[in-house]
Amino acid sequence: MTEGGPNHWQIVSRSLTGRRAVDEQTRASVAVLDERLNRLRKLDKIFAHVEFSPDVKNLKDRKNAVPVG
């Protein structure tokens, strides 16, 4: 994290608990965390089985809702 930059785990955590909206910033933060986890997996096999929680996985797969009507 760079100084003054977003705190990705905090953004995701707040989105999961309903304290902030799930928006593009949330999805971008999930993508950053996913990239970091993949880098860790490549560094050492000890991280091979580390996964996101089911809630984060659902958030990662969630699409933008499109209003109909």
PDB file of N, CA and C in Angstrom:
ATOM      1  N   MET A   1       0.844  -1.172   0.000  1.00  0.00           N
ATOM      2  CA  MET A   1       0.000   0.000   0.000  1.00  0.00           C
ATOM      3  C   MET A   1       0.887   1.232   0.000  1.00  0.00           C
ATOM      4  N   THR A   2       0.595   2.137  -0.861  1.00  0.00           N
ATOM      5  CA  THR A   2       1.351   3.381  -0.888  1.00  0.00           C
ATOM      6  C   THR A   2       0.715   4.376   0.062  1.00  0.00           C
ATOM      7  N   GLU A   3       1.517   5.302   0.525  1.00  0.00           N
ATOM      8  CA  GLU A   3       1.005   6.311   1.445  1.00  0.00           C
ATOM      9  C   GLU A   3      -0.124   7.087   0.782  1.00  0.00           C
ATOM     10  N   GLY A   4      -1.240   7.179   1.460  1.00  0.00           N
ATOM     11  CA  GLY A   4      -2.383   7.904   0.923  1.00  0.00           C
ATOM     12  C   GLY A   4      -3.227   7.076  -0.027  1.00  0.00           C
ATOM     13  N   GLY A   5      -2.768   5.863  -0.367  1.00  0.00           N
ATOM     14  CA  GLY A   5      -3.515   4.993  -1.267  1.00  0.00           C
ATOM     15  C   GLY A   5      -4.592   4.222  -0.521  1.00  0.00           C
ATOM     16  N   PRO A   6      -5.404   3.511  -1.268  1.00  0.00           N
ATOM     17  CA  PRO A   6      -6.493   2.766  -0.635  1.00  0.00           C
ATOM     18  C   PRO A   6      -5.979   1.608   0.216  1.00  0.00           C
ATOM     19  N   ASN A   7      -6.675   1.312   1.275  1.00  0.00           N
ATOM     20  CA  ASN A   7      -6.402   0.172   2.125  1.00  0.00           C
ATOM     21  C   ASN A   7      -7.355  -0.923   1.659  1.00  0.00           C
ATOM     22  N   HIS A   8      -6.892  -1.790   0.779  1.00  0.00           N
ATOM     23  CA  HIS A   8      -7.759  -2.725   0.070  1.00  0.00           C
ATOM     24  C   HIS A   8      -8.495  -3.690   0.989  1.00  0.00           C
ATOM     25  N   TRP A   9      -7.801  -4.237   1.987  1.00  0.00           N
ATOM     26  CA  TRP A   9      -8.498  -5.185   2.854  1.00  0.00           C
ATOM     27  C   TRP A   9      -9.597  -4.481   3.654  1.00  0.00           C
ATOM     28  N   GLN A  10      -9.361  -3.219   4.013  1.00  0.00           N
ATOM     29  CA  GLN A  10     -10.356  -2.470   4.772  1.00  0.00           C
ATOM     30  C   GLN A  10     -11.577  -2.152   3.904  1.00  0.00           C
ATOM     31  N   ILE A  11     -11.348  -1.799   2.647  1.00  0.00           N
ATOM     32  CA  ILE A  11     -12.450  -1.529   1.722  1.00  0.00           C
ATOM     33  C   ILE A  11     -13.308  -2.779   1.566  1.00  0.00           C
ATOM     34  N   VAL A  12     -12.656  -3.922   1.359  1.00  0.00           N
ATOM     35  CA  VAL A  12     -13.391  -5.179   1.186  1.00  0.00           C
ATOM     36  C   VAL A  12     -14.133  -5.538   2.470  1.00  0.00           C
ATOM     37  N   SER A  13     -13.467  -5.401   3.592  1.00  0.00           N
ATOM     38  CA  SER A  13     -14.098  -5.719   4.877  1.00  0.00           C
ATOM     39  C   SER A  13     -15.342  -4.871   5.116  1.00  0.00           C
ATOM     40  N   ARG A  14     -15.237  -3.584   4.869  1.00  0.00           N
ATOM     41  CA  ARG A  14     -16.384  -2.691   5.070  1.00  0.00           C
ATOM     42  C   ARG A  14     -17.515  -3.002   4.097  1.00  0.00           C
ATOM     43  N   SER A  15     -17.170  -3.403   2.893  1.00  0.00           N
ATOM     44  CA  SER A  15     -18.210  -3.774   1.924  1.00  0.00           C
ATOM     45  C   SER A  15     -18.922  -5.049   2.365  1.00  0.00           C
ATOM     46  N   LEU A  16     -18.173  -5.992   2.904  1.00  0.00           N
ATOM     47  CA  LEU A  16     -18.773  -7.248   3.356  1.00  0.00           C
ATOM     48  C   LEU A  16     -19.687  -7.052   4.563  1.00  0.00           C
ATOM     49  N   THR A  17     -19.376  -6.075   5.395  1.00  0.00           N
ATOM     50  CA  THR A  17     -20.181  -5.846   6.598  1.00  0.00           C
ATOM     51  C   THR A  17     -21.282  -4.814   6.378  1.00  0.00           C
ATOM     52  N   GLY A  18     -21.376  -4.291   5.157  1.00  0.00           N
ATOM     53  CA  GLY A  18     -22.438  -3.337   4.840  1.00  0.00           C
ATOM     54  C   GLY A  18     -22.141  -1.912   5.259  1.00  0.00           C
ATOM     55  N   ARG A  19     -20.921  -1.621   5.663  1.00  0.00           N
ATOM     56  CA  ARG A  19     -20.574  -0.260   6.077  1.00  0.00           C
ATOM     57  C   ARG A  19     -20.196   0.628   4.905  1.00  0.00           C
ATOM     58  N   ARG A  20     -20.078   0.034   3.721  1.00  0.00           N
ATOM     59  CA  ARG A  20     -19.861   0.810   2.499  1.00  0.00           C
ATOM     60  C   ARG A  20     -20.480   0.022   1.360  1.00  0.00           C
ATOM     61  N   ALA A  21     -20.796   0.716   0.301  1.00  0.00           N
ATOM     62  CA  ALA A  21     -21.423   0.081  -0.857  1.00  0.00           C
ATOM     63  C   ALA A  21     -20.425  -0.815  -1.582  1.00  0.00           C
ATOM     64  N   VAL A  22     -20.956  -1.863  -2.202  1.00  0.00           N
ATOM     65  CA  VAL A  22     -20.146  -2.679  -3.091  1.00  0.00           C
ATOM     66  C   VAL A  22     -20.150  -1.973  -4.439  1.00  0.00           C
ATOM     67  N   ASP A  23     -18.995  -1.439  -4.811  1.00  0.00           N
ATOM     68  CA  ASP A  23     -18.900  -0.649  -6.023  1.00  0.00           C
ATOM     69  C   ASP A  23     -17.621  -1.009  -6.765  1.00  0.00           C
ATOM     70  N   GLU A  24     -17.275  -0.198  -7.749  1.00  0.00           N
ATOM     71  CA  GLU A  24     -16.071  -0.466  -8.530  1.00  0.00           C
ATOM     72  C   GLU A  24     -14.810  -0.442  -7.673  1.00  0.00           C
ATOM     73  N   GLN A  25     -14.778   0.416  -6.674  1.00  0.00           N
ATOM     74  CA  GLN A  25     -13.608   0.466  -5.795  1.00  0.00           C
ATOM     75  C   GLN A  25     -13.479  -0.841  -5.008  1.00  0.00           C
ATOM     76  N   THR A  26     -14.606  -1.383  -4.578  1.00  0.00           N
ATOM     77  CA  THR A  26     -14.586  -2.668  -3.877  1.00  0.00           C
ATOM     78  C   THR A  26     -14.050  -3.758  -4.787  1.00  0.00           C
ATOM     79  N   ARG A  27     -14.583  -3.804  -6.009  1.00  0.00           N
ATOM     80  CA  ARG A  27     -14.136  -4.834  -6.952  1.00  0.00           C
ATOM     81  C   ARG A  27     -12.654  -4.653  -7.307  1.00  0.00           C
ATOM     82  N   ALA A  28     -12.206  -3.425  -7.426  1.00  0.00           N
ATOM     83  CA  ALA A  28     -10.791  -3.165  -7.707  1.00  0.00           C
ATOM     84  C   ALA A  28      -9.924  -3.635  -6.534  1.00  0.00           C
ATOM     85  N   SER A  29     -10.387  -3.402  -5.326  1.00  0.00           N
ATOM     86  CA  SER A  29      -9.639  -3.836  -4.145  1.00  0.00           C
ATOM     87  C   SER A  29      -9.567  -5.358  -4.064  1.00  0.00           C
ATOM     88  N   VAL A  30     -10.664  -6.030  -4.386  1.00  0.00           N
ATOM     89  CA  VAL A  30     -10.653  -7.495  -4.409  1.00  0.00           C
ATOM     90  C   VAL A  30      -9.645  -7.978  -5.460  1.00  0.00           C
ATOM     91  N   ALA A  31      -9.615  -7.332  -6.603  1.00  0.00           N
ATOM     92  CA  ALA A  31      -8.680  -7.717  -7.663  1.00  0.00           C
ATOM     93  C   ALA A  31      -7.231  -7.537  -7.209  1.00  0.00           C
ATOM     94  N   VAL A  32      -6.938  -6.445  -6.518  1.00  0.00           N
ATOM     95  CA  VAL A  32      -5.587  -6.201  -6.009  1.00  0.00           C
ATOM     96  C   VAL A  32      -5.204  -7.280  -5.003  1.00  0.00           C
ATOM     97  N   LEU A  33      -6.116  -7.585  -4.089  1.00  0.00           N
ATOM     98  CA  LEU A  33      -5.827  -8.611  -3.087  1.00  0.00           C
ATOM     99  C   LEU A  33      -5.659  -9.987  -3.739  1.00  0.00           C
ATOM    100  N   ASP A  34      -6.442 -10.257  -4.764  1.00  0.00           N
ATOM    101  CA  ASP A  34      -6.325 -11.519  -5.496  1.00  0.00           C
ATOM    102  C   ASP A  34      -4.959 -11.618  -6.176  1.00  0.00           C
ATOM    103  N   GLU A  35      -4.521 -10.527  -6.764  1.00  0.00           N
ATOM    104  CA  GLU A  35      -3.205 -10.490  -7.407  1.00  0.00           C
ATOM    105  C   GLU A  35      -2.092 -10.722  -6.382  1.00  0.00           C
ATOM    106  N   ARG A  36      -2.209 -10.094  -5.239  1.00  0.00           N
ATOM    107  CA  ARG A  36      -1.197 -10.266  -4.184  1.00  0.00           C
ATOM    108  C   ARG A  36      -1.153 -11.706  -3.690  1.00  0.00           C
ATOM    109  N   LEU A  37      -2.327 -12.318  -3.524  1.00  0.00           N
ATOM    110  CA  LEU A  37      -2.371 -13.708  -3.085  1.00  0.00           C
ATOM    111  C   LEU A  37      -1.739 -14.621  -4.133  1.00  0.00           C
ATOM    112  N   ASN A  38      -2.009 -14.361  -5.387  1.00  0.00           N
ATOM    113  CA  ASN A  38      -1.404 -15.172  -6.448  1.00  0.00           C
ATOM    114  C   ASN A  38       0.117 -15.031  -6.456  1.00  0.00           C
ATOM    115  N   ARG A  39       0.628 -13.829  -6.186  1.00  0.00           N
ATOM    116  CA  ARG A  39       2.084 -13.633  -6.098  1.00  0.00           C
ATOM    117  C   ARG A  39       2.674 -14.428  -4.941  1.00  0.00           C
ATOM    118  N   LEU A  40       1.963 -14.442  -3.807  1.00  0.00           N
ATOM    119  CA  LEU A  40       2.435 -15.224  -2.670  1.00  0.00           C
ATOM    120  C   LEU A  40       2.475 -16.703  -3.005  1.00  0.00           C
ATOM    121  N   ARG A  41       1.457 -17.177  -3.698  1.00  0.00           N
ATOM    122  CA  ARG A  41       1.412 -18.593  -4.086  1.00  0.00           C
ATOM    123  C   ARG A  41       2.600 -18.955  -4.970  1.00  0.00           C
ATOM    124  N   LYS A  42       3.010 -18.023  -5.829  1.00  0.00           N
ATOM    125  CA  LYS A  42       4.152 -18.272  -6.704  1.00  0.00           C
ATOM    126  C   LYS A  42       5.482 -18.225  -5.953  1.00  0.00           C
ATOM    127  N   LEU A  43       5.530 -17.458  -4.869  1.00  0.00           N
ATOM    128  CA  LEU A  43       6.764 -17.335  -4.091  1.00  0.00           C
ATOM    129  C   LEU A  43       7.086 -18.591  -3.295  1.00  0.00           C
ATOM    130  N   ASP A  44       6.039 -19.195  -2.735  1.00  0.00           N
ATOM    131  CA  ASP A  44       6.282 -20.341  -1.865  1.00  0.00           C
ATOM    132  C   ASP A  44       5.058 -21.241  -1.850  1.00  0.00           C
ATOM    133  N   LYS A  45       5.309 -22.538  -1.925  1.00  0.00           N
ATOM    134  CA  LYS A  45       4.199 -23.500  -1.961  1.00  0.00           C
ATOM    135  C   LYS A  45       3.407 -23.535  -0.653  1.00  0.00           C
ATOM    136  N   ILE A  46       3.946 -22.968   0.399  1.00  0.00           N
ATOM    137  CA  ILE A  46       3.220 -22.936   1.666  1.00  0.00           C
ATOM    138  C   ILE A  46       1.890 -22.162   1.532  1.00  0.00           C
ATOM    139  N   PHE A  47       1.831 -21.251   0.543  1.00  0.00           N
ATOM    140  CA  PHE A  47       0.630 -20.450   0.322  1.00  0.00           C
ATOM    141  C   PHE A  47      -0.338 -21.084  -0.676  1.00  0.00           C
ATOM    142  N   ALA A  48      -0.012 -22.250  -1.180  1.00  0.00           N
ATOM    143  CA  ALA A  48      -0.802 -22.874  -2.252  1.00  0.00           C
ATOM    144  C   ALA A  48      -2.271 -23.078  -1.880  1.00  0.00           C
ATOM    145  N   HIS A  49      -2.540 -23.357  -0.619  1.00  0.00           N
ATOM    146  CA  HIS A  49      -3.913 -23.661  -0.218  1.00  0.00           C
ATOM    147  C   HIS A  49      -4.604 -22.512   0.518  1.00  0.00           C
ATOM    148  N   VAL A  50      -3.977 -21.352   0.539  1.00  0.00           N
ATOM    149  CA  VAL A  50      -4.592 -20.173   1.142  1.00  0.00           C
ATOM    150  C   VAL A  50      -5.675 -19.672   0.191  1.00  0.00           C
ATOM    151  N   GLU A  51      -6.854 -19.427   0.727  1.00  0.00           N
ATOM    152  CA  GLU A  51      -7.973 -18.975  -0.088  1.00  0.00           C
ATOM    153  C   GLU A  51      -8.702 -17.828   0.602  1.00  0.00           C
ATOM    154  N   PHE A  52      -9.481 -17.116  -0.191  1.00  0.00           N
ATOM    155  CA  PHE A  52     -10.376 -16.115   0.375  1.00  0.00           C
ATOM    156  C   PHE A  52     -11.546 -16.819   1.042  1.00  0.00           C
ATOM    157  N   SER A  53     -12.193 -16.110   1.931  1.00  0.00           N
ATOM    158  CA  SER A  53     -13.391 -16.651   2.566  1.00  0.00           C
ATOM    159  C   SER A  53     -14.486 -16.801   1.520  1.00  0.00           C
ATOM    160  N   PRO A  54     -15.508 -17.625   1.802  1.00  0.00           N
ATOM    161  CA  PRO A  54     -16.621 -17.751   0.858  1.00  0.00           C
ATOM    162  C   PRO A  54     -17.287 -16.403   0.558  1.00  0.00           C
ATOM    163  N   ASP A  55     -17.368 -15.528   1.543  1.00  0.00           N
ATOM    164  CA  ASP A  55     -17.985 -14.217   1.319  1.00  0.00           C
ATOM    165  C   ASP A  55     -17.180 -13.387   0.324  1.00  0.00           C
ATOM    166  N   VAL A  56     -15.865 -13.415   0.432  1.00  0.00           N
ATOM    167  CA  VAL A  56     -15.026 -12.664  -0.503  1.00  0.00           C
ATOM    168  C   VAL A  56     -15.098 -13.303  -1.889  1.00  0.00           C
ATOM    169  N   LYS A  57     -15.136 -14.632  -1.940  1.00  0.00           N
ATOM    170  CA  LYS A  57     -15.283 -15.312  -3.232  1.00  0.00           C
ATOM    171  C   LYS A  57     -16.593 -14.893  -3.904  1.00  0.00           C
ATOM    172  N   ASN A  58     -17.675 -14.825  -3.135  1.00  0.00           N
ATOM    173  CA  ASN A  58     -18.961 -14.392  -3.695  1.00  0.00           C
ATOM    174  C   ASN A  58     -18.886 -12.951  -4.174  1.00  0.00           C
ATOM    175  N   LEU A  59     -18.229 -12.113  -3.400  1.00  0.00           N
ATOM    176  CA  LEU A  59     -18.064 -10.711  -3.786  1.00  0.00           C
ATOM    177  C   LEU A  59     -17.247 -10.607  -5.072  1.00  0.00           C
ATOM    178  N   LYS A  60     -16.228 -11.431  -5.174  1.00  0.00           N
ATOM    179  CA  LYS A  60     -15.365 -11.441  -6.353  1.00  0.00           C
ATOM    180  C   LYS A  60     -16.149 -11.833  -7.613  1.00  0.00           C
ATOM    181  N   ASP A  61     -17.084 -12.748  -7.450  1.00  0.00           N
ATOM    182  CA  ASP A  61     -17.872 -13.238  -8.588  1.00  0.00           C
ATOM    183  C   ASP A  61     -19.105 -12.410  -8.871  1.00  0.00           C
ATOM    184  N   ARG A  62     -19.416 -11.500  -7.981  1.00  0.00           N
ATOM    185  CA  ARG A  62     -20.624 -10.691  -8.103  1.00  0.00           C
ATOM    186  C   ARG A  62     -20.534  -9.731  -9.279  1.00  0.00           C
ATOM    187  N   LYS A  63     -21.607  -9.622 -10.005  1.00  0.00           N
ATOM    188  CA  LYS A  63     -21.665  -8.713 -11.157  1.00  0.00           C
ATOM    189  C   LYS A  63     -22.417  -7.452 -10.749  1.00  0.00           C
ATOM    190  N   ASN A  64     -22.237  -6.415 -11.529  1.00  0.00           N
ATOM    191  CA  ASN A  64     -22.991  -5.174 -11.299  1.00  0.00           C
ATOM    192  C   ASN A  64     -24.476  -5.436 -11.497  1.00  0.00           C
ATOM    193  N   ALA A  65     -25.274  -4.996 -10.580  1.00  0.00           N
ATOM    194  CA  ALA A  65     -26.720  -5.115 -10.718  1.00  0.00           C
ATOM    195  C   ALA A  65     -27.204  -4.071 -11.718  1.00  0.00           C
ATOM    196  N   VAL A  66     -28.080  -4.491 -12.593  1.00  0.00           N
ATOM    197  CA  VAL A  66     -28.631  -3.596 -13.595  1.00  0.00           C
ATOM    198  C   VAL A  66     -30.117  -3.428 -13.291  1.00  0.00           C
ATOM    199  N   PRO A  67     -30.574  -2.210 -12.995  1.00  0.00           N
ATOM    200  CA  PRO A  67     -31.988  -2.013 -12.702  1.00  0.00           C
ATOM    201  C   PRO A  67     -32.844  -2.319 -13.927  1.00  0.00           C
ATOM    202  N   VAL A  68     -33.953  -2.996 -13.683  1.00  0.00           N
ATOM    203  CA  VAL A  68     -34.880  -3.353 -14.756  1.00  0.00           C
ATOM    204  C   VAL A  68     -36.239  -2.758 -14.418  1.00  0.00           C
ATOM    205  N   GLY A  69     -36.868  -2.241 -15.411  1.00  0.00           N
ATOM    206  CA  GLY A  69     -38.203  -1.842 -15.101  1.00  0.00           C
ATOM    207  C   GLY A  69     -38.664  -0.559 -15.559  1.00  0.00           C
TER     208      GLY A  69
END
